[in-house]
Amino acid sequence: MFKTSDGIMIDYKVQGESEEVVVFLNGIFMDYNSWFFITEQLKGQYRIILHNFRCQWSSQNGSCSFERHVEDLKELLDYLKISKVHLVGTSYGAEVGMFFAVRYPELVKSLTIITATARITPSIKYKALRWKDGAMSKNKEIFVRSWINDVYSEQFLDRYPNLFGTIIQRMSQFNYEGAVKLLDAFLELERKPLLNQLSKIGAPALVVSAQFDNIKPVNFSQEIAQQIPGAKHVCIPDCGHAAVIEKPKEVLFLIKAHLFFLKN
């Protein structure tokens, strides 16, 4: 555990010994162990930094905003004496990554942005508010039903008919109060969109979208890639929003290719 400057305990994990550091940034309801398949394949070549954001799973609740997540990460990197990182984030974590790259461009070697948005439209807002209602219920079934169709593709849900039950079994330690705070922080993007700040990002950026993303569709990734100078955009076919879960091999391939290209 690491204590932030405002006294919040953040659960983090370090793997590998390389001087090249990759920081993975969670989606809104993810636990850092959800990156396991990908980090297991990379920890031999890179030093891996994982953490649960404040208000997320095993980390403590506190005042929550994208700006505060950025400062938490900066403080964690300072604590670990790390000065340059590759950032890989999905959804909410990718949005934190973009905010971080705008705020601390000198610390970012590269940026991988997976199924994210830089602004909130009415469609995204009403889905996020439905998720918030689910979290406020503190009922596992109601909560998971509030978002499962937005997060996973129809094909994936059909392929794994027991997925709902599997997720429910893993929810015993879920932080519902924290999830409400995280959703409120996300909804601030409506008032303070990030899109017009993305031109400040100088790090090489890979933007990854998913063909059947029902919460942050492909066009939101396209506009992010258009705003970040020199960014590349790749769309994963036959995949829903939770690309890290639905298509981990493809996500791993894209991350490795991006990092390999930079190294060479």
Foldseek 3Di string as FASTA:
>chain_A
DDAAPVGWFKDKDKAADDLAEEEEFEALQDDQCLLVVQCVVCRPPHIYMYIAFALYQPIHHDQDALVVSLRVVVVVCVVVVRQAYAYEYAELRLQSVLVNCLVCVRRYQEYEYALYFQADDPQLLVLLVLLLVQLVVVDLLSNCVSPVPQFWDPVVCVVCVCVSVVSSVVCPRGRSVSSNSSSVNVNCCHVVGCLQSQCSRDHEYEYEYECARNNRHPVRSVSSQVNHPNYHYDYDYPTYRPCCPVPVVVVSVVVVVVVVVSVD
